[in-house]
Full PDB file with SEQRES, HELIX, SHEET, SSBOND, CRYST1, ORIGX, SCALE, CONECT and MASTER records, all heavy atoms in Angstrom:
SEQRES   1 A   37  ALA SER GLY GLU GLY LEU GLU GLU VAL ALA LYS CYS GLY          
SEQRES   2 A   37  ALA GLY GLY THR PHE PHE LEU CYS GLY GLU GLY GLY ASP          
SEQRES   3 A   37  GLU ARG PRO VAL LEU TYR ALA ASP SER GLU GLY                  
SHEET    1 AA1 3 LEU A   6  LYS A  11  0                                        
SHEET    2 AA1 3 THR A  17  CYS A  21 -1                                        
SHEET    3 AA1 3 VAL A  30  ALA A  33 -1                                        
CRYST1    1.000    1.000    1.000  90.00  90.00  90.00 P 1           1          
ORIGX1      1.000000  0.000000  0.000000        0.00000                         
ORIGX2      0.000000  1.000000  0.000000        0.00000                         
ORIGX3      0.000000  0.000000  1.000000        0.00000                         
SCALE1      1.000000  0.000000  0.000000        0.00000                         
SCALE2      0.000000  1.000000  0.000000        0.00000                         
SCALE3      0.000000  0.000000  1.000000        0.00000                         
ATOM      1  N   ALA A   1      22.801  -9.214  -2.937  1.00  0.00           N  
ATOM      2  CA  ALA A   1      23.802 -10.283  -2.989  1.00  0.00           C  
ATOM      3  C   ALA A   1      23.710 -11.214  -1.736  1.00  0.00           C  
ATOM      4  O   ALA A   1      24.000 -12.449  -1.763  1.00  0.00           O  
ATOM      5  CB  ALA A   1      25.177  -9.734  -3.059  1.00  0.00           C  
ATOM      6  N   SER A   2      23.156 -10.555  -0.683  1.00  0.00           N  
ATOM      7  CA  SER A   2      23.031 -11.418   0.582  1.00  0.00           C  
ATOM      8  C   SER A   2      21.831 -12.416   0.560  1.00  0.00           C  
ATOM      9  O   SER A   2      21.745 -13.309   1.437  1.00  0.00           O  
ATOM     10  CB  SER A   2      22.752 -10.443   1.747  1.00  0.00           C  
ATOM     11  OG  SER A   2      21.437  -9.799   1.590  1.00  0.00           O  
ATOM     12  N   GLY A   3      20.955 -12.270  -0.422  1.00  0.00           N  
ATOM     13  CA  GLY A   3      19.796 -13.170  -0.513  1.00  0.00           C  
ATOM     14  C   GLY A   3      18.628 -12.634   0.290  1.00  0.00           C  
ATOM     15  O   GLY A   3      17.550 -13.197   0.102  1.00  0.00           O  
ATOM     16  N   GLU A   4      18.753 -11.586   0.948  1.00  0.00           N  
ATOM     17  CA  GLU A   4      17.592 -10.989   1.745  1.00  0.00           C  
ATOM     18  C   GLU A   4      16.578 -10.466   0.690  1.00  0.00           C  
ATOM     19  O   GLU A   4      16.929 -10.200  -0.408  1.00  0.00           O  
ATOM     20  CB  GLU A   4      18.100  -9.736   2.536  1.00  0.00           C  
ATOM     21  CG  GLU A   4      18.884 -10.246   3.805  1.00  0.00           C  
ATOM     22  CD  GLU A   4      19.280  -8.966   4.559  1.00  0.00           C  
ATOM     23  OE1 GLU A   4      18.388  -8.551   5.380  1.00  0.00           O  
ATOM     24  OE2 GLU A   4      20.427  -8.530   4.413  1.00  0.00           O  
ATOM     25  N   GLY A   5      15.430 -10.289   1.221  1.00  0.00           N  
ATOM     26  CA  GLY A   5      14.320  -9.851   0.297  1.00  0.00           C  
ATOM     27  C   GLY A   5      14.412  -8.402  -0.045  1.00  0.00           C  
ATOM     28  O   GLY A   5      15.002  -7.559   0.710  1.00  0.00           O  
ATOM     29  N   LEU A   6      13.610  -8.020  -1.076  1.00  0.00           N  
ATOM     30  CA  LEU A   6      13.572  -6.576  -1.473  1.00  0.00           C  
ATOM     31  C   LEU A   6      12.036  -6.350  -1.720  1.00  0.00           C  
ATOM     32  O   LEU A   6      11.294  -7.197  -2.309  1.00  0.00           O  
ATOM     33  CB  LEU A   6      14.210  -6.378  -2.793  1.00  0.00           C  
ATOM     34  CG  LEU A   6      15.577  -6.255  -2.838  1.00  0.00           C  
ATOM     35  CD1 LEU A   6      16.217  -6.168  -4.194  1.00  0.00           C  
ATOM     36  CD2 LEU A   6      16.216  -4.982  -2.031  1.00  0.00           C  
ATOM     37  N   GLU A   7      11.564  -5.182  -1.245  1.00  0.00           N  
ATOM     38  CA  GLU A   7      10.082  -4.809  -1.395  1.00  0.00           C  
ATOM     39  C   GLU A   7      10.137  -3.457  -2.051  1.00  0.00           C  
ATOM     40  O   GLU A   7      10.615  -2.554  -1.396  1.00  0.00           O  
ATOM     41  CB  GLU A   7       9.430  -4.843  -0.013  1.00  0.00           C  
ATOM     42  CG  GLU A   7       7.957  -4.378  -0.169  1.00  0.00           C  
ATOM     43  CD  GLU A   7       7.293  -4.235   1.136  1.00  0.00           C  
ATOM     44  OE1 GLU A   7       7.784  -4.807   2.192  1.00  0.00           O  
ATOM     45  OE2 GLU A   7       6.224  -3.532   1.256  1.00  0.00           O  
ATOM     46  N   GLU A   8       9.592  -3.365  -3.200  1.00  0.00           N  
ATOM     47  CA  GLU A   8       9.430  -2.093  -3.875  1.00  0.00           C  
ATOM     48  C   GLU A   8       8.427  -1.243  -3.105  1.00  0.00           C  
ATOM     49  O   GLU A   8       7.314  -1.655  -2.715  1.00  0.00           O  
ATOM     50  CB  GLU A   8       8.937  -2.247  -5.340  1.00  0.00           C  
ATOM     51  CG  GLU A   8       9.958  -2.940  -6.201  1.00  0.00           C  
ATOM     52  CD  GLU A   8       9.424  -3.338  -7.547  1.00  0.00           C  
ATOM     53  OE1 GLU A   8       8.133  -3.209  -7.769  1.00  0.00           O  
ATOM     54  OE2 GLU A   8      10.196  -3.887  -8.302  1.00  0.00           O  
ATOM     55  N   VAL A   9       8.862   0.032  -2.837  1.00  0.00           N  
ATOM     56  CA  VAL A   9       7.938   0.856  -2.064  1.00  0.00           C  
ATOM     57  C   VAL A   9       7.564   2.185  -2.780  1.00  0.00           C  
ATOM     58  O   VAL A   9       6.574   2.820  -2.582  1.00  0.00           O  
ATOM     59  CB  VAL A   9       8.604   1.183  -0.654  1.00  0.00           C  
ATOM     60  CG1 VAL A   9       9.799   2.027  -0.760  1.00  0.00           C  
ATOM     61  CG2 VAL A   9       7.558   1.768   0.291  1.00  0.00           C  
ATOM     62  N   ALA A  10       8.504   2.599  -3.672  1.00  0.00           N  
ATOM     63  CA  ALA A  10       8.211   3.869  -4.366  1.00  0.00           C  
ATOM     64  C   ALA A  10       9.080   3.934  -5.668  1.00  0.00           C  
ATOM     65  O   ALA A  10      10.076   3.169  -5.830  1.00  0.00           O  
ATOM     66  CB  ALA A  10       8.479   5.021  -3.594  1.00  0.00           C  
ATOM     67  N   LYS A  11       8.741   4.852  -6.569  1.00  0.00           N  
ATOM     68  CA  LYS A  11       9.443   5.085  -7.835  1.00  0.00           C  
ATOM     69  C   LYS A  11       9.844   6.534  -7.918  1.00  0.00           C  
ATOM     70  O   LYS A  11       9.318   7.337  -7.277  1.00  0.00           O  
ATOM     71  CB  LYS A  11       8.606   4.680  -9.028  1.00  0.00           C  
ATOM     72  CG  LYS A  11       8.277   3.174  -9.158  1.00  0.00           C  
ATOM     73  CD  LYS A  11       9.413   2.386  -9.461  1.00  0.00           C  
ATOM     74  CE  LYS A  11       9.771   2.474 -10.952  1.00  0.00           C  
ATOM     75  NZ  LYS A  11      10.757   1.460 -11.226  1.00  0.00           N  
ATOM     76  N   CYS A  12      10.722   6.780  -8.804  1.00  0.00           N  
ATOM     77  CA  CYS A  12      11.076   8.139  -9.126  1.00  0.00           C  
ATOM     78  C   CYS A  12      10.776   8.322 -10.639  1.00  0.00           C  
ATOM     79  O   CYS A  12      10.528   7.342 -11.387  1.00  0.00           O  
ATOM     80  CB  CYS A  12      12.471   8.582  -8.882  1.00  0.00           C  
ATOM     81  SG  CYS A  12      13.757   7.916 -10.141  1.00  0.00           S  
ATOM     82  N   GLY A  13      10.622   9.561 -11.088  1.00  0.00           N  
ATOM     83  CA  GLY A  13      10.281   9.813 -12.409  1.00  0.00           C  
ATOM     84  C   GLY A  13      11.207   9.428 -13.521  1.00  0.00           C  
ATOM     85  O   GLY A  13      10.895   9.171 -14.694  1.00  0.00           O  
ATOM     86  N   ALA A  14      12.512   9.159 -13.166  1.00  0.00           N  
ATOM     87  CA  ALA A  14      13.515   8.761 -14.039  1.00  0.00           C  
ATOM     88  C   ALA A  14      13.657   7.216 -14.140  1.00  0.00           C  
ATOM     89  O   ALA A  14      14.566   6.719 -14.726  1.00  0.00           O  
ATOM     90  CB  ALA A  14      14.919   9.307 -13.683  1.00  0.00           C  
ATOM     91  N   GLY A  15      12.693   6.475 -13.616  1.00  0.00           N  
ATOM     92  CA  GLY A  15      12.659   5.044 -13.585  1.00  0.00           C  
ATOM     93  C   GLY A  15      13.319   4.307 -12.520  1.00  0.00           C  
ATOM     94  O   GLY A  15      13.523   3.067 -12.469  1.00  0.00           O  
ATOM     95  N   GLY A  16      13.867   5.020 -11.443  1.00  0.00           N  
ATOM     96  CA  GLY A  16      14.544   4.374 -10.284  1.00  0.00           C  
ATOM     97  C   GLY A  16      13.426   3.938  -9.419  1.00  0.00           C  
ATOM     98  O   GLY A  16      12.256   4.215  -9.376  1.00  0.00           O  
ATOM     99  N   THR A  17      13.948   3.078  -8.409  1.00  0.00           N  
ATOM    100  CA  THR A  17      13.034   2.392  -7.502  1.00  0.00           C  
ATOM    101  C   THR A  17      13.685   2.440  -6.169  1.00  0.00           C  
ATOM    102  O   THR A  17      14.761   2.245  -5.955  1.00  0.00           O  
ATOM    103  CB  THR A  17      12.887   0.935  -7.867  1.00  0.00           C  
ATOM    104  OG1 THR A  17      12.411   0.806  -9.227  1.00  0.00           O  
ATOM    105  CG2 THR A  17      11.838   0.225  -6.969  1.00  0.00           C  
ATOM    106  N   PHE A  18      12.801   2.699  -5.053  1.00  0.00           N  
ATOM    107  CA  PHE A  18      13.163   2.675  -3.764  1.00  0.00           C  
ATOM    108  C   PHE A  18      12.683   1.267  -3.174  1.00  0.00           C  
ATOM    109  O   PHE A  18      11.396   1.011  -3.352  1.00  0.00           O  
ATOM    110  CB  PHE A  18      12.401   3.858  -2.954  1.00  0.00           C  
ATOM    111  CG  PHE A  18      12.981   5.185  -3.358  1.00  0.00           C  
ATOM    112  CD1 PHE A  18      12.349   5.837  -4.471  1.00  0.00           C  
ATOM    113  CD2 PHE A  18      14.011   5.784  -2.691  1.00  0.00           C  
ATOM    114  CE1 PHE A  18      12.824   7.170  -4.753  1.00  0.00           C  
ATOM    115  CE2 PHE A  18      14.562   7.003  -3.133  1.00  0.00           C  
ATOM    116  CZ  PHE A  18      13.826   7.745  -4.114  1.00  0.00           C  
ATOM    117  N   PHE A  19      13.532   0.595  -2.542  1.00  0.00           N  
ATOM    118  CA  PHE A  19      13.217  -0.695  -1.964  1.00  0.00           C  
ATOM    119  C   PHE A  19      13.380  -0.724  -0.508  1.00  0.00           C  
ATOM    120  O   PHE A  19      14.340  -0.075   0.000  1.00  0.00           O  
ATOM    121  CB  PHE A  19      14.224  -1.792  -2.468  1.00  0.00           C  
ATOM    122  CG  PHE A  19      14.139  -2.011  -4.011  1.00  0.00           C  
ATOM    123  CD1 PHE A  19      15.031  -1.357  -4.856  1.00  0.00           C  
ATOM    124  CD2 PHE A  19      13.242  -2.992  -4.553  1.00  0.00           C  
ATOM    125  CE1 PHE A  19      14.938  -1.618  -6.242  1.00  0.00           C  
ATOM    126  CE2 PHE A  19      13.269  -3.223  -5.909  1.00  0.00           C  
ATOM    127  CZ  PHE A  19      14.008  -2.562  -6.665  1.00  0.00           C  
ATOM    128  N   LEU A  20      12.603  -1.432   0.315  1.00  0.00           N  
ATOM    129  CA  LEU A  20      12.851  -1.836   1.599  1.00  0.00           C  
ATOM    130  C   LEU A  20      13.675  -3.118   1.595  1.00  0.00           C  
ATOM    131  O   LEU A  20      13.228  -4.097   0.823  1.00  0.00           O  
ATOM    132  CB  LEU A  20      11.564  -2.024   2.457  1.00  0.00           C  
ATOM    133  CG  LEU A  20      10.799  -0.714   2.707  1.00  0.00           C  
ATOM    134  CD1 LEU A  20       9.418  -1.029   3.315  1.00  0.00           C  
ATOM    135  CD2 LEU A  20      11.617   0.205   3.633  1.00  0.00           C  
ATOM    136  N   CYS A  21      14.697  -3.282   2.336  1.00  0.00           N  
ATOM    137  CA  CYS A  21      15.569  -4.395   2.303  1.00  0.00           C  
ATOM    138  C   CYS A  21      15.308  -5.314   3.522  1.00  0.00           C  
ATOM    139  O   CYS A  21      15.091  -4.806   4.675  1.00  0.00           O  
ATOM    140  CB  CYS A  21      16.987  -3.918   2.416  1.00  0.00           C  
ATOM    141  SG  CYS A  21      17.551  -2.912   1.025  1.00  0.00           S  
ATOM    142  N   GLY A  22      15.251  -6.613   3.331  1.00  0.00           N  
ATOM    143  CA  GLY A  22      15.147  -7.614   4.409  1.00  0.00           C  
ATOM    144  C   GLY A  22      13.765  -7.796   4.806  1.00  0.00           C  
ATOM    145  O   GLY A  22      12.781  -7.457   4.032  1.00  0.00           O  
ATOM    146  N   GLU A  23      13.584  -8.290   6.041  1.00  0.00           N  
ATOM    147  CA  GLU A  23      12.292  -8.587   6.607  1.00  0.00           C  
ATOM    148  C   GLU A  23      11.871  -7.526   7.605  1.00  0.00           C  
ATOM    149  O   GLU A  23      12.805  -6.960   8.290  1.00  0.00           O  
ATOM    150  CB  GLU A  23      12.277  -9.999   7.252  1.00  0.00           C  
ATOM    151  CG  GLU A  23      12.646 -11.058   6.314  1.00  0.00           C  
ATOM    152  CD  GLU A  23      11.575 -11.284   5.113  1.00  0.00           C  
ATOM    153  OE1 GLU A  23      10.359 -11.128   5.331  1.00  0.00           O  
ATOM    154  OE2 GLU A  23      12.050 -11.396   4.072  1.00  0.00           O  
ATOM    155  N   GLY A  24      10.695  -7.372   7.875  1.00  0.00           N  
ATOM    156  CA  GLY A  24      10.224  -6.420   8.859  1.00  0.00           C  
ATOM    157  C   GLY A  24       9.211  -5.357   8.247  1.00  0.00           C  
ATOM    158  O   GLY A  24       8.637  -5.642   7.337  1.00  0.00           O  
ATOM    159  N   GLY A  25       9.191  -4.355   9.067  1.00  0.00           N  
ATOM    160  CA  GLY A  25       8.309  -3.202   8.548  1.00  0.00           C  
ATOM    161  C   GLY A  25       9.006  -1.970   8.021  1.00  0.00           C  
ATOM    162  O   GLY A  25       9.927  -2.128   7.289  1.00  0.00           O  
ATOM    163  N   ASP A  26       8.475  -0.910   8.370  1.00  0.00           N  
ATOM    164  CA  ASP A  26       8.925   0.458   7.815  1.00  0.00           C  
ATOM    165  C   ASP A  26      10.434   0.766   8.411  1.00  0.00           C  
ATOM    166  O   ASP A  26      10.996   1.742   7.825  1.00  0.00           O  
ATOM    167  CB  ASP A  26       8.041   1.549   8.256  1.00  0.00           C  
ATOM    168  CG  ASP A  26       6.662   1.389   7.642  1.00  0.00           C  
ATOM    169  OD1 ASP A  26       6.491   0.671   6.729  1.00  0.00           O  
ATOM    170  OD2 ASP A  26       5.770   2.102   8.234  1.00  0.00           O  
ATOM    171  N   GLU A  27      10.922   0.029   9.330  1.00  0.00           N  
ATOM    172  CA  GLU A  27      12.179   0.328   9.895  1.00  0.00           C  
ATOM    173  C   GLU A  27      13.341  -0.231   9.043  1.00  0.00           C  
ATOM    174  O   GLU A  27      14.530  -0.066   9.402  1.00  0.00           O  
ATOM    175  CB  GLU A  27      12.268  -0.092  11.348  1.00  0.00           C  
ATOM    176  CG  GLU A  27      12.471  -1.578  11.533  1.00  0.00           C  
ATOM    177  CD  GLU A  27      11.226  -2.408  11.272  1.00  0.00           C  
ATOM    178  OE1 GLU A  27      10.129  -1.933  11.048  1.00  0.00           O  
ATOM    179  OE2 GLU A  27      11.325  -3.667  11.189  1.00  0.00           O  
ATOM    180  N   ARG A  28      13.048  -1.022   8.007  1.00  0.00           N  
ATOM    181  CA  ARG A  28      14.083  -1.624   7.231  1.00  0.00           C  
ATOM    182  C   ARG A  28      14.970  -0.636   6.425  1.00  0.00           C  
ATOM    183  O   ARG A  28      14.386   0.481   6.085  1.00  0.00           O  
ATOM    184  CB  ARG A  28      13.493  -2.624   6.300  1.00  0.00           C  
ATOM    185  CG  ARG A  28      12.850  -3.775   6.971  1.00  0.00           C  
ATOM    186  CD  ARG A  28      12.170  -4.650   5.971  1.00  0.00           C  
ATOM    187  NE  ARG A  28      10.844  -4.061   5.597  1.00  0.00           N  
ATOM    188  CZ  ARG A  28      10.145  -4.518   4.640  1.00  0.00           C  
ATOM    189  NH1 ARG A  28      10.539  -5.545   3.848  1.00  0.00           N  
ATOM    190  NH2 ARG A  28       8.985  -3.954   4.266  1.00  0.00           N  
ATOM    191  N   PRO A  29      16.142  -0.904   6.173  1.00  0.00           N  
ATOM    192  CA  PRO A  29      16.956  -0.035   5.285  1.00  0.00           C  
ATOM    193  C   PRO A  29      16.253   0.256   3.921  1.00  0.00           C  
ATOM    194  O   PRO A  29      15.629  -0.707   3.410  1.00  0.00           O  
ATOM    195  CB  PRO A  29      18.215  -0.854   5.122  1.00  0.00           C  
ATOM    196  CG  PRO A  29      18.405  -1.745   6.332  1.00  0.00           C  
ATOM    197  CD  PRO A  29      16.861  -2.086   6.568  1.00  0.00           C  
ATOM    198  N   VAL A  30      16.442   1.547   3.472  1.00  0.00           N  
ATOM    199  CA  VAL A  30      15.828   1.917   2.181  1.00  0.00           C  
ATOM    200  C   VAL A  30      17.018   1.990   1.165  1.00  0.00           C  
ATOM    201  O   VAL A  30      17.915   2.774   1.341  1.00  0.00           O  
ATOM    202  CB  VAL A  30      15.069   3.281   2.265  1.00  0.00           C  
ATOM    203  CG1 VAL A  30      14.482   3.586   0.964  1.00  0.00           C  
ATOM    204  CG2 VAL A  30      14.003   3.168   3.315  1.00  0.00           C  
ATOM    205  N   LEU A  31      16.903   1.226   0.113  1.00  0.00           N  
ATOM    206  CA  LEU A  31      17.798   1.206  -0.972  1.00  0.00           C  
ATOM    207  C   LEU A  31      17.238   1.822  -2.214  1.00  0.00           C  
ATOM    208  O   LEU A  31      16.069   1.500  -2.536  1.00  0.00           O  
ATOM    209  CB  LEU A  31      18.304  -0.238  -1.283  1.00  0.00           C  
ATOM    210  CG  LEU A  31      19.447  -0.330  -2.355  1.00  0.00           C  
ATOM    211  CD1 LEU A  31      20.386  -1.470  -2.006  1.00  0.00           C  
ATOM    212  CD2 LEU A  31      18.784  -0.693  -3.637  1.00  0.00           C  
ATOM    213  N   TYR A  32      17.980   2.682  -2.857  1.00  0.00           N  
ATOM    214  CA  TYR A  32      17.551   3.301  -4.095  1.00  0.00           C  
ATOM    215  C   TYR A  32      18.336   2.799  -5.246  1.00  0.00           C  
ATOM    216  O   TYR A  32      19.584   2.622  -5.135  1.00  0.00           O  
ATOM    217  CB  TYR A  32      17.638   4.802  -4.107  1.00  0.00           C  
ATOM    218  CG  TYR A  32      17.389   5.450  -5.477  1.00  0.00           C  
ATOM    219  CD1 TYR A  32      16.053   5.542  -5.878  1.00  0.00           C  
ATOM    220  CD2 TYR A  32      18.453   5.873  -6.212  1.00  0.00           C  
ATOM    221  CE1 TYR A  32      15.757   6.094  -7.093  1.00  0.00           C  
ATOM    222  CE2 TYR A  32      18.156   6.423  -7.458  1.00  0.00           C  
ATOM    223  CZ  TYR A  32      16.858   6.541  -7.959  1.00  0.00           C  
ATOM    224  OH  TYR A  32      16.505   7.096  -9.200  1.00  0.00           O  
ATOM    225  N   ALA A  33      17.667   2.277  -6.308  1.00  0.00           N  
ATOM    226  CA  ALA A  33      18.411   1.844  -7.458  1.00  0.00           C  
ATOM    227  C   ALA A  33      17.895   2.702  -8.711  1.00  0.00           C  
ATOM    228  O   ALA A  33      16.759   2.786  -8.877  1.00  0.00           O  
ATOM    229  CB  ALA A  33      18.026   0.372  -7.768  1.00  0.00           C  
ATOM    230  N   ASP A  34      18.862   3.292  -9.425  1.00  0.00           N  
ATOM    231  CA  ASP A  34      18.456   4.044 -10.584  1.00  0.00           C  
ATOM    232  C   ASP A  34      18.304   3.107 -11.763  1.00  0.00           C  
ATOM    233  O   ASP A  34      18.536   1.887 -11.762  1.00  0.00           O  
ATOM    234  CB  ASP A  34      19.321   5.207 -10.767  1.00  0.00           C  
ATOM    235  CG  ASP A  34      20.791   4.924 -11.334  1.00  0.00           C  
ATOM    236  OD1 ASP A  34      20.982   3.725 -11.804  1.00  0.00           O  
ATOM    237  OD2 ASP A  34      21.598   5.646 -11.253  1.00  0.00           O  
ATOM    238  N   SER A  35      17.838   3.686 -12.946  1.00  0.00           N  
ATOM    239  CA  SER A  35      17.578   2.887 -14.039  1.00  0.00           C  
ATOM    240  C   SER A  35      18.879   2.712 -14.905  1.00  0.00           C  
ATOM    241  O   SER A  35      18.765   1.969 -15.989  1.00  0.00           O  
ATOM    242  CB  SER A  35      16.475   3.568 -14.966  1.00  0.00           C  
ATOM    243  OG  SER A  35      16.932   4.794 -15.367  1.00  0.00           O  
ATOM    244  N   GLU A  36      19.967   3.185 -14.401  1.00  0.00           N  
ATOM    245  CA  GLU A  36      21.249   3.122 -15.213  1.00  0.00           C  
ATOM    246  C   GLU A  36      22.242   2.168 -14.502  1.00  0.00           C  
ATOM    247  O   GLU A  36      23.444   2.153 -14.843  1.00  0.00           O  
ATOM    248  CB  GLU A  36      21.853   4.569 -15.300  1.00  0.00           C  
ATOM    249  CG  GLU A  36      20.913   5.526 -15.981  1.00  0.00           C  
ATOM    250  CD  GLU A  36      20.555   5.172 -17.346  1.00  0.00           C  
ATOM    251  OE1 GLU A  36      21.441   4.745 -18.084  1.00  0.00           O  
ATOM    252  OE2 GLU A  36      19.377   5.313 -17.694  1.00  0.00           O  
ATOM    253  N   GLY A  37      21.865   1.439 -13.541  1.00  0.00           N  
ATOM    254  CA  GLY A  37      22.864   0.518 -12.818  1.00  0.00           C  
ATOM    255  C   GLY A  37      23.479   1.054 -11.611  1.00  0.00           C  
ATOM    256  O   GLY A  37      24.515   0.579 -11.280  1.00  0.00           O  
TER     257      GLY A  37                                                      
MASTER        0    0    0    0    3    0    0    6  256    1    0    3          
END                                                                             
């Protein structure tokens, strides 16, 4: 919602995705989104 970037970094077996949020390197917040919303 903030307009910051998202970078996919990993997946889970159930179709969820782990994203790095914003700009920068490995120190960015990690957000997990499942496949069910």
